[in-house]
């Protein structure tokens, strides 16, 4: 399997809508365009790795100092830690997380995407 990141990001039209581009050993590699504030949430059983491809992202925490990331940097949010991603301008991010990880943890908001929605383009040939 070969993926071109620019082409994959070009197919993303909605912010905060992760798109699975590959699976590796029960882990999903997801791409997303982010802009604005997301939602406070945690992932009780999974760590979540954010790798910034373009732009910058702040990971807000309730119980520790915020983390500010720029292109080429990565950060792992530990499982069970409440966080809120914030991108003042458009940010391109690659996420690595277990395939079963819920998009917004146990918080359900209008933009929450199911695992099936995050990988629908794989079965639709898009």
C-alpha atoms as a PDB file:
ATOM      1  CA  UNK A   1       0.000   0.000   0.000  1.00  0.00           C
ATOM      2  CA  UNK A   2       1.274   3.456  -0.926  1.00  0.00           C
ATOM      3  CA  UNK A   3      -0.306   6.690   0.313  1.00  0.00           C
ATOM      4  CA  UNK A   4       0.573  10.211  -0.719  1.00  0.00           C
ATOM      5  CA  UNK A   5      -0.059  12.506   2.256  1.00  0.00           C
ATOM      6  CA  UNK A   6      -0.759  15.627   0.180  1.00  0.00           C
ATOM      7  CA  UNK A   7      -3.340  13.718  -1.890  1.00  0.00           C
ATOM      8  CA  UNK A   8      -4.904  12.159   1.220  1.00  0.00           C
ATOM      9  CA  UNK A   9      -5.132  15.513   3.017  1.00  0.00           C
ATOM     10  CA  UNK A  10      -6.587  17.025  -0.171  1.00  0.00           C
ATOM     11  CA  UNK A  11      -9.536  14.640   0.105  1.00  0.00           C
ATOM     12  CA  UNK A  12     -10.391  15.783   3.627  1.00  0.00           C
ATOM     13  CA  UNK A  13     -13.093  18.449   3.488  1.00  0.00           C
ATOM     14  CA  UNK A  14     -14.323  18.625   7.103  1.00  0.00           C
ATOM     15  CA  UNK A  15     -12.375  19.699  10.165  1.00  0.00           C
ATOM     16  CA  UNK A  16     -12.124  17.275  13.086  1.00  0.00           C
ATOM     17  CA  UNK A  17     -13.135  14.344  10.868  1.00  0.00           C
ATOM     18  CA  UNK A  18     -10.360  11.701  11.035  1.00  0.00           C
ATOM     19  CA  UNK A  19      -9.748   9.563   7.968  1.00  0.00           C
ATOM     20  CA  UNK A  20      -8.081   6.150   8.339  1.00  0.00           C
ATOM     21  CA  UNK A  21      -5.339   5.781   5.713  1.00  0.00           C
ATOM     22  CA  UNK A  22      -3.654   2.611   6.998  1.00  0.00           C
ATOM     23  CA  UNK A  23      -3.767  -0.076   9.661  1.00  0.00           C
ATOM     24  CA  UNK A  24      -0.621  -1.435  11.327  1.00  0.00           C
ATOM     25  CA  UNK A  25      -0.734  -4.188  13.975  1.00  0.00           C
ATOM     26  CA  UNK A  26      -4.192  -3.268  15.311  1.00  0.00           C
ATOM     27  CA  UNK A  27      -3.286   0.428  15.175  1.00  0.00           C
ATOM     28  CA  UNK A  28      -4.960   2.906  12.843  1.00  0.00           C
ATOM     29  CA  UNK A  29      -3.061   5.674  11.094  1.00  0.00           C
ATOM     30  CA  UNK A  30      -5.484   8.559  10.712  1.00  0.00           C
ATOM     31  CA  UNK A  31      -5.229  11.949   9.035  1.00  0.00           C
ATOM     32  CA  UNK A  32      -7.300  14.959  10.000  1.00  0.00           C
ATOM     33  CA  UNK A  33      -7.499  18.651   9.329  1.00  0.00           C
ATOM     34  CA  UNK A  34      -8.108  20.610  12.512  1.00  0.00           C
ATOM     35  CA  UNK A  35      -9.223  24.176  13.071  1.00  0.00           C
ATOM     36  CA  UNK A  36     -10.750  25.789  16.130  1.00  0.00           C
ATOM     37  CA  UNK A  37     -11.466  24.082  19.422  1.00  0.00           C
ATOM     38  CA  UNK A  38     -12.513  20.435  19.640  1.00  0.00           C
ATOM     39  CA  UNK A  39     -14.061  18.907  22.774  1.00  0.00           C
ATOM     40  CA  UNK A  40     -12.697  17.897  26.167  1.00  0.00           C
ATOM     41  CA  UNK A  41     -12.433  14.104  26.226  1.00  0.00           C
ATOM     42  CA  UNK A  42     -10.213  11.183  27.165  1.00  0.00           C
ATOM     43  CA  UNK A  43      -9.542   7.674  25.958  1.00  0.00           C
ATOM     44  CA  UNK A  44      -9.781   5.442  29.024  1.00  0.00           C
ATOM     45  CA  UNK A  45      -7.773   2.540  27.613  1.00  0.00           C
ATOM     46  CA  UNK A  46      -5.676   3.947  24.763  1.00  0.00           C
ATOM     47  CA  UNK A  47      -2.748   6.315  24.302  1.00  0.00           C
ATOM     48  CA  UNK A  48      -3.087   8.719  21.356  1.00  0.00           C
ATOM     49  CA  UNK A  49      -0.143   9.958  19.287  1.00  0.00           C
ATOM     50  CA  UNK A  50      -0.409  13.303  17.490  1.00  0.00           C
ATOM     51  CA  UNK A  51       2.156  14.039  14.731  1.00  0.00           C
ATOM     52  CA  UNK A  52       1.900  17.519  13.216  1.00  0.00           C
ATOM     53  CA  UNK A  53       2.341  17.530   9.447  1.00  0.00           C
ATOM     54  CA  UNK A  54       1.457  21.186   8.811  1.00  0.00           C
ATOM     55  CA  UNK A  55       0.564  24.108  11.078  1.00  0.00           C
ATOM     56  CA  UNK A  56       0.476  24.034  14.858  1.00  0.00           C
ATOM     57  CA  UNK A  57      -1.685  22.494  17.556  1.00  0.00           C
ATOM     58  CA  UNK A  58      -2.152  23.075  21.263  1.00  0.00           C
ATOM     59  CA  UNK A  59      -3.129  20.120  23.412  1.00  0.00           C
ATOM     60  CA  UNK A  60      -4.870  21.555  26.454  1.00  0.00           C
ATOM     61  CA  UNK A  61      -4.830  19.629  29.718  1.00  0.00           C
ATOM     62  CA  UNK A  62      -6.810  20.160  32.902  1.00  0.00           C
ATOM     63  CA  UNK A  63      -4.170  18.686  35.212  1.00  0.00           C
ATOM     64  CA  UNK A  64      -0.871  19.695  33.580  1.00  0.00           C
ATOM     65  CA  UNK A  65       0.752  22.296  31.371  1.00  0.00           C
ATOM     66  CA  UNK A  66      -0.573  22.636  27.808  1.00  0.00           C
ATOM     67  CA  UNK A  67       1.617  21.267  24.996  1.00  0.00           C
ATOM     68  CA  UNK A  68       2.172  23.364  21.864  1.00  0.00           C
ATOM     69  CA  UNK A  69       3.250  21.429  18.767  1.00  0.00           C
ATOM     70  CA  UNK A  70       4.582  22.624  15.413  1.00  0.00           C
ATOM     71  CA  UNK A  71       5.097  20.829  12.092  1.00  0.00           C
ATOM     72  CA  UNK A  72       7.410  17.849  12.497  1.00  0.00           C
ATOM     73  CA  UNK A  73       6.726  17.417  16.225  1.00  0.00           C
ATOM     74  CA  UNK A  74       4.792  14.678  17.962  1.00  0.00           C
ATOM     75  CA  UNK A  75       3.188  14.169  21.348  1.00  0.00           C
ATOM     76  CA  UNK A  76       1.527  11.220  23.062  1.00  0.00           C
ATOM     77  CA  UNK A  77      -1.557  11.847  25.185  1.00  0.00           C
ATOM     78  CA  UNK A  78      -1.553   9.101  27.840  1.00  0.00           C
ATOM     79  CA  UNK A  79      -4.621   6.926  28.228  1.00  0.00           C
ATOM     80  CA  UNK A  80      -7.184   8.217  30.688  1.00  0.00           C
ATOM     81  CA  UNK A  81      -5.930  11.828  30.540  1.00  0.00           C
ATOM     82  CA  UNK A  82      -8.541  14.435  29.677  1.00  0.00           C
ATOM     83  CA  UNK A  83      -7.404  16.712  26.857  1.00  0.00           C
ATOM     84  CA  UNK A  84      -8.731  19.194  24.311  1.00  0.00           C
ATOM     85  CA  UNK A  85      -6.965  19.852  20.988  1.00  0.00           C
ATOM     86  CA  UNK A  86      -7.020  23.474  19.767  1.00  0.00           C
ATOM     87  CA  UNK A  87      -5.808  24.788  16.408  1.00  0.00           C
ATOM     88  CA  UNK A  88      -6.032  28.551  15.857  1.00  0.00           C
ATOM     89  CA  UNK A  89      -5.341  28.047  12.128  1.00  0.00           C
ATOM     90  CA  UNK A  90      -5.719  24.991   9.922  1.00  0.00           C
ATOM     91  CA  UNK A  91      -3.495  22.169  11.116  1.00  0.00           C
ATOM     92  CA  UNK A  92      -2.791  18.843   9.435  1.00  0.00           C
ATOM     93  CA  UNK A  93      -2.299  16.014  11.896  1.00  0.00           C
ATOM     94  CA  UNK A  94      -1.487  12.319  11.686  1.00  0.00           C
ATOM     95  CA  UNK A  95      -2.852  10.234  14.553  1.00  0.00           C
ATOM     96  CA  UNK A  96      -1.704   6.788  15.662  1.00  0.00           C
ATOM     97  CA  UNK A  97      -4.082   4.953  17.941  1.00  0.00           C
ATOM     98  CA  UNK A  98      -5.646   1.520  18.424  1.00  0.00           C
ATOM     99  CA  UNK A  99      -8.244   0.788  15.751  1.00  0.00           C
ATOM    100  CA  UNK A 100     -11.031   0.588  18.354  1.00  0.00           C
ATOM    101  CA  UNK A 101     -10.321   4.059  19.818  1.00  0.00           C
ATOM    102  CA  UNK A 102     -13.458   6.175  19.956  1.00  0.00           C
ATOM    103  CA  UNK A 103     -13.080   9.537  18.185  1.00  0.00           C
ATOM    104  CA  UNK A 104     -14.229  11.576  21.193  1.00  0.00           C
ATOM    105  CA  UNK A 105     -13.886   8.965  23.921  1.00  0.00           C
ATOM    106  CA  UNK A 106     -17.152   8.568  25.801  1.00  0.00           C
ATOM    107  CA  UNK A 107     -18.222  12.132  24.926  1.00  0.00           C
ATOM    108  CA  UNK A 108     -20.634  12.277  22.001  1.00  0.00           C
ATOM    109  CA  UNK A 109     -21.007  15.567  20.136  1.00  0.00           C
ATOM    110  CA  UNK A 110     -22.404  16.546  16.750  1.00  0.00           C
ATOM    111  CA  UNK A 111     -19.067  15.913  14.999  1.00  0.00           C
ATOM    112  CA  UNK A 112     -18.288  12.540  16.594  1.00  0.00           C
ATOM    113  CA  UNK A 113     -17.280   9.990  13.928  1.00  0.00           C
ATOM    114  CA  UNK A 114     -17.673   6.263  14.418  1.00  0.00           C
ATOM    115  CA  UNK A 115     -14.831   3.898  13.500  1.00  0.00           C
ATOM    116  CA  UNK A 116     -16.850   2.886  10.427  1.00  0.00           C
ATOM    117  CA  UNK A 117     -17.247   6.510   9.335  1.00  0.00           C
ATOM    118  CA  UNK A 118     -13.505   7.098   9.738  1.00  0.00           C
ATOM    119  CA  UNK A 119     -12.728   4.253   7.350  1.00  0.00           C
ATOM    120  CA  UNK A 120     -15.733   4.444   4.986  1.00  0.00           C
ATOM    121  CA  UNK A 121     -13.623   5.767   2.089  1.00  0.00           C
ATOM    122  CA  UNK A 122     -11.510   2.569   2.254  1.00  0.00           C
ATOM    123  CA  UNK A 123     -14.539   0.420   1.393  1.00  0.00           C
ATOM    124  CA  UNK A 124     -16.059   2.987  -0.970  1.00  0.00           C
ATOM    125  CA  UNK A 125     -12.902   3.217  -3.058  1.00  0.00           C
ATOM    126  CA  UNK A 126     -12.503   6.959  -2.441  1.00  0.00           C
END
